[in-house]
Amino acid sequence: HVRALRAAPPPAPRRLHRLPDSDELATPLPGPAA
């Protein structure tokens, strides 16, 4: 647990749509701004 407190959150899964809660949002903003 001490090591986990110092670690960063894990990377995003390759297939986000397989998570229990997922969605897609369209926006005219560029990726970094979104």
ModelCIF file with pLDDT and N, C-alpha, C, O atoms, coordinates in Angstrom:
data_MODEL
#
_entry.id   MODEL 
#
_entity.id                         1 
_entity.type                       polymer 
_entity.pdbx_number_of_molecules   1 
#
_entity_poly.entity_id                      1 
_entity_poly.type                           'polypeptide(L)' 
_entity_poly.nstd_linkage                   no 
_entity_poly.nstd_monomer                   no 
_entity_poly.pdbx_seq_one_letter_code       HVRALRAAPPPAPRRLHRLPDSDELATPLPGPAA 
_entity_poly.pdbx_seq_one_letter_code_can   HVRALRAAPPPAPRRLHRLPDSDELATPLPGPAA 
_entity_poly.pdbx_strand_id                 A 
#
loop_
_entity_poly_seq.entity_id 
_entity_poly_seq.num 
_entity_poly_seq.mon_id 
_entity_poly_seq.hetero 
1 1  HIS n 
1 2  VAL n 
1 3  ARG n 
1 4  ALA n 
1 5  LEU n 
1 6  ARG n 
1 7  ALA n 
1 8  ALA n 
1 9  PRO n 
1 10 PRO n 
1 11 PRO n 
1 12 ALA n 
1 13 PRO n 
1 14 ARG n 
1 15 ARG n 
1 16 LEU n 
1 17 HIS n 
1 18 ARG n 
1 19 LEU n 
1 20 PRO n 
1 21 ASP n 
1 22 SER n 
1 23 ASP n 
1 24 GLU n 
1 25 LEU n 
1 26 ALA n 
1 27 THR n 
1 28 PRO n 
1 29 LEU n 
1 30 PRO n 
1 31 GLY n 
1 32 PRO n 
1 33 ALA n 
1 34 ALA n 
#
_struct_asym.id          A 
_struct_asym.entity_id   1 
#
loop_
_ma_qa_metric.id 
_ma_qa_metric.mode 
_ma_qa_metric.name 
_ma_qa_metric.software_group_id 
_ma_qa_metric.type 
1 global pLDDT . pLDDT 
2 local  pLDDT . pLDDT 
#
_ma_qa_metric_global.metric_id      1 
_ma_qa_metric_global.metric_value   87.71 
_ma_qa_metric_global.model_id       1 
_ma_qa_metric_global.ordinal_id     1 
#
loop_
_ma_qa_metric_local.label_asym_id 
_ma_qa_metric_local.label_comp_id 
_ma_qa_metric_local.label_seq_id 
_ma_qa_metric_local.metric_id 
_ma_qa_metric_local.metric_value 
_ma_qa_metric_local.model_id 
_ma_qa_metric_local.ordinal_id 
A HIS 1  2 86.00 1 1  
A VAL 2  2 87.00 1 2  
A ARG 3  2 86.00 1 3  
A ALA 4  2 84.00 1 4  
A LEU 5  2 83.00 1 5  
A ARG 6  2 84.00 1 6  
A ALA 7  2 85.00 1 7  
A ALA 8  2 87.00 1 8  
A PRO 9  2 89.00 1 9  
A PRO 10 2 88.00 1 10 
A PRO 11 2 89.00 1 11 
A ALA 12 2 88.00 1 12 
A PRO 13 2 89.00 1 13 
A ARG 14 2 87.00 1 14 
A ARG 15 2 87.00 1 15 
A LEU 16 2 87.00 1 16 
A HIS 17 2 85.00 1 17 
A ARG 18 2 87.00 1 18 
A LEU 19 2 89.00 1 19 
A PRO 20 2 87.00 1 20 
A ASP 21 2 88.00 1 21 
A SER 22 2 89.00 1 22 
A ASP 23 2 90.00 1 23 
A GLU 24 2 90.00 1 24 
A LEU 25 2 90.00 1 25 
A ALA 26 2 89.00 1 26 
A THR 27 2 89.00 1 27 
A PRO 28 2 89.00 1 28 
A LEU 29 2 89.00 1 29 
A PRO 30 2 89.00 1 30 
A GLY 31 2 87.00 1 31 
A PRO 32 2 89.00 1 32 
A ALA 33 2 90.00 1 33 
A ALA 34 2 90.00 1 34 
#
loop_
_atom_site.group_PDB 
_atom_site.id 
_atom_site.type_symbol 
_atom_site.label_atom_id 
_atom_site.label_alt_id 
_atom_site.label_comp_id 
_atom_site.label_asym_id 
_atom_site.label_entity_id 
_atom_site.label_seq_id 
_atom_site.pdbx_PDB_ins_code 
_atom_site.Cartn_x 
_atom_site.Cartn_y 
_atom_site.Cartn_z 
_atom_site.occupancy 
_atom_site.B_iso_or_equiv 
_atom_site.pdbx_formal_charge 
_atom_site.auth_seq_id 
_atom_site.auth_comp_id 
_atom_site.auth_asym_id 
_atom_site.auth_atom_id 
_atom_site.pdbx_PDB_model_num 
ATOM 1   N N  . HIS A 1 1  ? 0.831   -1.204 0.000   1.00 86.00 ? 1  HIS A N  1 
ATOM 2   C CA . HIS A 1 1  ? 0.000   0.000  0.000   1.00 86.00 ? 1  HIS A CA 1 
ATOM 3   C C  . HIS A 1 1  ? 0.867   1.257  0.000   1.00 86.00 ? 1  HIS A C  1 
ATOM 4   O O  . HIS A 1 1  ? 0.528   2.241  -0.657  1.00 86.00 ? 1  HIS A O  1 
ATOM 5   N N  . VAL A 1 2  ? 1.981   1.232  0.731   1.00 87.00 ? 2  VAL A N  1 
ATOM 6   C CA . VAL A 1 2  ? 2.888   2.393  0.726   1.00 87.00 ? 2  VAL A CA 1 
ATOM 7   C C  . VAL A 1 2  ? 3.437   2.620  -0.682  1.00 87.00 ? 2  VAL A C  1 
ATOM 8   O O  . VAL A 1 2  ? 3.522   3.761  -1.137  1.00 87.00 ? 2  VAL A O  1 
ATOM 9   N N  . ARG A 1 3  ? 3.808   1.547  -1.370  1.00 86.00 ? 3  ARG A N  1 
ATOM 10  C CA . ARG A 1 3  ? 4.287   1.707  -2.748  1.00 86.00 ? 3  ARG A CA 1 
ATOM 11  C C  . ARG A 1 3  ? 3.184   2.222  -3.660  1.00 86.00 ? 3  ARG A C  1 
ATOM 12  O O  . ARG A 1 3  ? 3.442   3.027  -4.555  1.00 86.00 ? 3  ARG A O  1 
ATOM 13  N N  . ALA A 1 4  ? 1.946   1.758  -3.436  1.00 84.00 ? 4  ALA A N  1 
ATOM 14  C CA . ALA A 1 4  ? 0.834   2.215  -4.272  1.00 84.00 ? 4  ALA A CA 1 
ATOM 15  C C  . ALA A 1 4  ? 0.525   3.686  -4.042  1.00 84.00 ? 4  ALA A C  1 
ATOM 16  O O  . ALA A 1 4  ? 0.121   4.383  -4.972  1.00 84.00 ? 4  ALA A O  1 
ATOM 17  N N  . LEU A 1 5  ? 0.708   4.171  -2.810  1.00 83.00 ? 5  LEU A N  1 
ATOM 18  C CA . LEU A 1 5  ? 0.456   5.587  -2.547  1.00 83.00 ? 5  LEU A CA 1 
ATOM 19  C C  . LEU A 1 5  ? 1.430   6.479  -3.317  1.00 83.00 ? 5  LEU A C  1 
ATOM 20  O O  . LEU A 1 5  ? 1.081   7.594  -3.705  1.00 83.00 ? 5  LEU A O  1 
ATOM 21  N N  . ARG A 1 6  ? 2.647   5.987  -3.535  1.00 84.00 ? 6  ARG A N  1 
ATOM 22  C CA . ARG A 1 6  ? 3.634   6.785  -4.253  1.00 84.00 ? 6  ARG A CA 1 
ATOM 23  C C  . ARG A 1 6  ? 3.514   6.636  -5.766  1.00 84.00 ? 6  ARG A C  1 
ATOM 24  O O  . ARG A 1 6  ? 4.054   7.455  -6.509  1.00 84.00 ? 6  ARG A O  1 
ATOM 25  N N  . ALA A 1 7  ? 2.821   5.616  -6.228  1.00 85.00 ? 7  ALA A N  1 
ATOM 26  C CA . ALA A 1 7  ? 2.729   5.359  -7.668  1.00 85.00 ? 7  ALA A CA 1 
ATOM 27  C C  . ALA A 1 7  ? 1.636   6.215  -8.298  1.00 85.00 ? 7  ALA A C  1 
ATOM 28  O O  . ALA A 1 7  ? 0.680   6.614  -7.632  1.00 85.00 ? 7  ALA A O  1 
ATOM 29  N N  . ALA A 1 8  ? 1.794   6.490  -9.590  1.00 87.00 ? 8  ALA A N  1 
ATOM 30  C CA . ALA A 1 8  ? 0.801   7.246  -10.340 1.00 87.00 ? 8  ALA A CA 1 
ATOM 31  C C  . ALA A 1 8  ? -0.374  6.349  -10.712 1.00 87.00 ? 8  ALA A C  1 
ATOM 32  O O  . ALA A 1 8  ? -0.222  5.127  -10.734 1.00 87.00 ? 8  ALA A O  1 
ATOM 33  N N  . PRO A 1 9  ? -1.532  6.917  -11.003 1.00 89.00 ? 9  PRO A N  1 
ATOM 34  C CA . PRO A 1 9  ? -2.656  6.102  -11.463 1.00 89.00 ? 9  PRO A CA 1 
ATOM 35  C C  . PRO A 1 9  ? -2.266  5.301  -12.705 1.00 89.00 ? 9  PRO A C  1 
ATOM 36  O O  . PRO A 1 9  ? -1.460  5.775  -13.506 1.00 89.00 ? 9  PRO A O  1 
ATOM 37  N N  . PRO A 1 10 ? -2.815  4.111  -12.883 1.00 88.00 ? 10 PRO A N  1 
ATOM 38  C CA . PRO A 1 10 ? -2.423  3.258  -14.017 1.00 88.00 ? 10 PRO A CA 1 
ATOM 39  C C  . PRO A 1 10 ? -2.874  3.860  -15.350 1.00 88.00 ? 10 PRO A C  1 
ATOM 40  O O  . PRO A 1 10 ? -3.785  4.687  -15.378 1.00 88.00 ? 10 PRO A O  1 
ATOM 41  N N  . PRO A 1 11 ? -2.241  3.451  -16.456 1.00 89.00 ? 11 PRO A N  1 
ATOM 42  C CA . PRO A 1 11 ? -2.662  3.960  -17.772 1.00 89.00 ? 11 PRO A CA 1 
ATOM 43  C C  . PRO A 1 11 ? -4.087  3.531  -18.099 1.00 89.00 ? 11 PRO A C  1 
ATOM 44  O O  . PRO A 1 11 ? -4.616  2.575  -17.532 1.00 89.00 ? 11 PRO A O  1 
ATOM 45  N N  . ALA A 1 12 ? -4.687  4.259  -19.021 1.00 88.00 ? 12 ALA A N  1 
ATOM 46  C CA . ALA A 1 12 ? -6.049  3.942  -19.442 1.00 88.00 ? 12 ALA A CA 1 
ATOM 47  C C  . ALA A 1 12 ? -6.058  2.621  -20.195 1.00 88.00 ? 12 ALA A C  1 
ATOM 48  O O  . ALA A 1 12 ? -5.134  2.352  -20.962 1.00 88.00 ? 12 ALA A O  1 
ATOM 49  N N  . PRO A 1 13 ? -7.079  1.789  -19.998 1.00 89.00 ? 13 PRO A N  1 
ATOM 50  C CA . PRO A 1 13 ? -7.174  0.535  -20.753 1.00 89.00 ? 13 PRO A CA 1 
ATOM 51  C C  . PRO A 1 13 ? -7.262  0.782  -22.256 1.00 89.00 ? 13 PRO A C  1 
ATOM 52  O O  . PRO A 1 13 ? -7.721  1.832  -22.706 1.00 89.00 ? 13 PRO A O  1 
ATOM 53  N N  . ARG A 1 14 ? -6.815  -0.198 -23.009 1.00 87.00 ? 14 ARG A N  1 
ATOM 54  C CA . ARG A 1 14 ? -6.835  -0.035 -24.464 1.00 87.00 ? 14 ARG A CA 1 
ATOM 55  C C  . ARG A 1 14 ? -8.260  0.055  -24.978 1.00 87.00 ? 14 ARG A C  1 
ATOM 56  O O  . ARG A 1 14 ? -8.530  0.807  -25.915 1.00 87.00 ? 14 ARG A O  1 
ATOM 57  N N  . ARG A 1 15 ? -9.174  -0.697 -24.383 1.00 87.00 ? 15 ARG A N  1 
ATOM 58  C CA . ARG A 1 15 ? -10.574 -0.708 -24.831 1.00 87.00 ? 15 ARG A CA 1 
ATOM 59  C C  . ARG A 1 15 ? -11.432 -0.158 -23.691 1.00 87.00 ? 15 ARG A C  1 
ATOM 60  O O  . ARG A 1 15 ? -11.892 -0.900 -22.824 1.00 87.00 ? 15 ARG A O  1 
ATOM 61  N N  . LEU A 1 16 ? -11.629 1.131  -23.714 1.00 87.00 ? 16 LEU A N  1 
ATOM 62  C CA . LEU A 1 16 ? -12.398 1.776  -22.640 1.00 87.00 ? 16 LEU A CA 1 
ATOM 63  C C  . LEU A 1 16 ? -13.854 1.340  -22.631 1.00 87.00 ? 16 LEU A C  1 
ATOM 64  O O  . LEU A 1 16 ? -14.500 1.362  -21.583 1.00 87.00 ? 16 LEU A O  1 
ATOM 65  N N  . HIS A 1 17 ? -14.384 0.940  -23.793 1.00 85.00 ? 17 HIS A N  1 
ATOM 66  C CA . HIS A 1 17 ? -15.805 0.604  -23.856 1.00 85.00 ? 17 HIS A CA 1 
ATOM 67  C C  . HIS A 1 17 ? -16.118 -0.690 -23.096 1.00 85.00 ? 17 HIS A C  1 
ATOM 68  O O  . HIS A 1 17 ? -17.290 -1.009 -22.894 1.00 85.00 ? 17 HIS A O  1 
ATOM 69  N N  . ARG A 1 18 ? -15.103 -1.433 -22.678 1.00 87.00 ? 18 ARG A N  1 
ATOM 70  C CA . ARG A 1 18 ? -15.343 -2.651 -21.912 1.00 87.00 ? 18 ARG A CA 1 
ATOM 71  C C  . ARG A 1 18 ? -15.467 -2.405 -20.410 1.00 87.00 ? 18 ARG A C  1 
ATOM 72  O O  . ARG A 1 18 ? -15.784 -3.323 -19.653 1.00 87.00 ? 18 ARG A O  1 
ATOM 73  N N  . LEU A 1 19 ? -15.222 -1.189 -19.985 1.00 89.00 ? 19 LEU A N  1 
ATOM 74  C CA . LEU A 1 19 ? -15.396 -0.874 -18.567 1.00 89.00 ? 19 LEU A CA 1 
ATOM 75  C C  . LEU A 1 19 ? -16.874 -0.894 -18.198 1.00 89.00 ? 19 LEU A C  1 
ATOM 76  O O  . LEU A 1 19 ? -17.726 -0.733 -19.072 1.00 89.00 ? 19 LEU A O  1 
ATOM 77  N N  . PRO A 1 20 ? -17.197 -1.092 -16.908 1.00 87.00 ? 20 PRO A N  1 
ATOM 78  C CA . PRO A 1 20 ? -18.615 -1.129 -16.509 1.00 87.00 ? 20 PRO A CA 1 
ATOM 79  C C  . PRO A 1 20 ? -19.368 0.140  -16.881 1.00 87.00 ? 20 PRO A C  1 
ATOM 80  O O  . PRO A 1 20 ? -20.543 0.075  -17.244 1.00 87.00 ? 20 PRO A O  1 
ATOM 81  N N  . ASP A 1 21 ? -18.714 1.288  -16.797 1.00 88.00 ? 21 ASP A N  1 
ATOM 82  C CA . ASP A 1 21 ? -19.335 2.570  -17.178 1.00 88.00 ? 21 ASP A CA 1 
ATOM 83  C C  . ASP A 1 21 ? -18.437 3.225  -18.212 1.00 88.00 ? 21 ASP A C  1 
ATOM 84  O O  . ASP A 1 21 ? -17.268 3.497  -17.939 1.00 88.00 ? 21 ASP A O  1 
ATOM 85  N N  . SER A 1 22 ? -18.975 3.479  -19.399 1.00 89.00 ? 22 SER A N  1 
ATOM 86  C CA . SER A 1 22 ? -18.192 4.122  -20.462 1.00 89.00 ? 22 SER A CA 1 
ATOM 87  C C  . SER A 1 22 ? -19.129 4.891  -21.383 1.00 89.00 ? 22 SER A C  1 
ATOM 88  O O  . SER A 1 22 ? -20.327 4.615  -21.444 1.00 89.00 ? 22 SER A O  1 
ATOM 89  N N  . ASP A 1 23 ? -18.564 5.860  -22.098 1.00 90.00 ? 23 ASP A N  1 
ATOM 90  C CA . ASP A 1 23 ? -19.347 6.691  -23.013 1.00 90.00 ? 23 ASP A CA 1 
ATOM 91  C C  . ASP A 1 23 ? -18.376 7.414  -23.939 1.00 90.00 ? 23 ASP A C  1 
ATOM 92  O O  . ASP A 1 23 ? -17.168 7.429  -23.703 1.00 90.00 ? 23 ASP A O  1 
ATOM 93  N N  . GLU A 1 24 ? -18.918 8.009  -24.988 1.00 90.00 ? 24 GLU A N  1 
ATOM 94  C CA . GLU A 1 24 ? -18.138 8.815  -25.925 1.00 90.00 ? 24 GLU A CA 1 
ATOM 95  C C  . GLU A 1 24 ? -18.792 10.179 -26.060 1.00 90.00 ? 24 GLU A C  1 
ATOM 96  O O  . GLU A 1 24 ? -20.007 10.282 -26.231 1.00 90.00 ? 24 GLU A O  1 
ATOM 97  N N  . LEU A 1 25 ? -17.976 11.231 -25.983 1.00 90.00 ? 25 LEU A N  1 
ATOM 98  C CA . LEU A 1 25 ? -18.460 12.603 -26.059 1.00 90.00 ? 25 LEU A CA 1 
ATOM 99  C C  . LEU A 1 25 ? -17.791 13.282 -27.247 1.00 90.00 ? 25 LEU A C  1 
ATOM 100 O O  . LEU A 1 25 ? -16.568 13.240 -27.381 1.00 90.00 ? 25 LEU A O  1 
ATOM 101 N N  . ALA A 1 26 ? -18.585 13.903 -28.103 1.00 89.00 ? 26 ALA A N  1 
ATOM 102 C CA . ALA A 1 26 ? -18.056 14.655 -29.252 1.00 89.00 ? 26 ALA A CA 1 
ATOM 103 C C  . ALA A 1 26 ? -17.960 16.123 -28.885 1.00 89.00 ? 26 ALA A C  1 
ATOM 104 O O  . ALA A 1 26 ? -18.868 16.677 -28.265 1.00 89.00 ? 26 ALA A O  1 
ATOM 105 N N  . THR A 1 27 ? -16.849 16.755 -29.271 1.00 89.00 ? 27 THR A N  1 
ATOM 106 C CA . THR A 1 27 ? -16.635 18.168 -28.966 1.00 89.00 ? 27 THR A CA 1 
ATOM 107 C C  . THR A 1 27 ? -15.804 18.795 -30.088 1.00 89.00 ? 27 THR A C  1 
ATOM 108 O O  . THR A 1 27 ? -14.929 18.142 -30.656 1.00 89.00 ? 27 THR A O  1 
ATOM 109 N N  . PRO A 1 28 ? -16.075 20.040 -30.398 1.00 89.00 ? 28 PRO A N  1 
ATOM 110 C CA . PRO A 1 28 ? -15.252 20.712 -31.419 1.00 89.00 ? 28 PRO A CA 1 
ATOM 111 C C  . PRO A 1 28 ? -13.871 21.105 -30.915 1.00 89.00 ? 28 PRO A C  1 
ATOM 112 O O  . PRO A 1 28 ? -13.032 21.549 -31.698 1.00 89.00 ? 28 PRO A O  1 
ATOM 113 N N  . LEU A 1 29 ? -13.623 20.945 -29.602 1.00 89.00 ? 29 LEU A N  1 
ATOM 114 C CA . LEU A 1 29 ? -12.323 21.311 -29.055 1.00 89.00 ? 29 LEU A CA 1 
ATOM 115 C C  . LEU A 1 29 ? -11.245 20.347 -29.540 1.00 89.00 ? 29 LEU A C  1 
ATOM 116 O O  . LEU A 1 29 ? -11.536 19.175 -29.783 1.00 89.00 ? 29 LEU A O  1 
ATOM 117 N N  . PRO A 1 30 ? -10.021 20.810 -29.682 1.00 89.00 ? 30 PRO A N  1 
ATOM 118 C CA . PRO A 1 30 ? -8.926  19.876 -29.971 1.00 89.00 ? 30 PRO A CA 1 
ATOM 119 C C  . PRO A 1 30 ? -8.683  18.955 -28.784 1.00 89.00 ? 30 PRO A C  1 
ATOM 120 O O  . PRO A 1 30 ? -9.115  19.246 -27.669 1.00 89.00 ? 30 PRO A O  1 
ATOM 121 N N  . GLY A 1 31 ? -7.989  17.842 -29.022 1.00 87.00 ? 31 GLY A N  1 
ATOM 122 C CA . GLY A 1 31 ? -7.791  16.827 -27.992 1.00 87.00 ? 31 GLY A CA 1 
ATOM 123 C C  . GLY A 1 31 ? -7.187  17.344 -26.717 1.00 87.00 ? 31 GLY A C  1 
ATOM 124 O O  . GLY A 1 31 ? -7.760  17.106 -25.654 1.00 87.00 ? 31 GLY A O  1 
ATOM 125 N N  . PRO A 1 32 ? -6.035  18.055 -26.749 1.00 89.00 ? 32 PRO A N  1 
ATOM 126 C CA . PRO A 1 32 ? -5.456  18.544 -25.488 1.00 89.00 ? 32 PRO A CA 1 
ATOM 127 C C  . PRO A 1 32 ? -6.388  19.478 -24.732 1.00 89.00 ? 32 PRO A C  1 
ATOM 128 O O  . PRO A 1 32 ? -6.450  19.426 -23.503 1.00 89.00 ? 32 PRO A O  1 
ATOM 129 N N  . ALA A 1 33 ? -7.124  20.344 -25.458 1.00 90.00 ? 33 ALA A N  1 
ATOM 130 C CA . ALA A 1 33 ? -8.050  21.262 -24.778 1.00 90.00 ? 33 ALA A CA 1 
ATOM 131 C C  . ALA A 1 33 ? -9.189  20.503 -24.120 1.00 90.00 ? 33 ALA A C  1 
ATOM 132 O O  . ALA A 1 33 ? -9.613  20.850 -23.017 1.00 90.00 ? 33 ALA A O  1 
ATOM 133 N N  . ALA A 1 34 ? -9.693  19.456 -24.796 1.00 90.00 ? 34 ALA A N  1 
ATOM 134 C CA . ALA A 1 34 ? -10.770 18.660 -24.205 1.00 90.00 ? 34 ALA A CA 1 
ATOM 135 C C  . ALA A 1 34 ? -10.293 17.954 -22.939 1.00 90.00 ? 34 ALA A C  1 
ATOM 136 O O  . ALA A 1 34 ? -11.066 17.236 -22.304 1.00 90.00 ? 34 ALA A O  1 
#
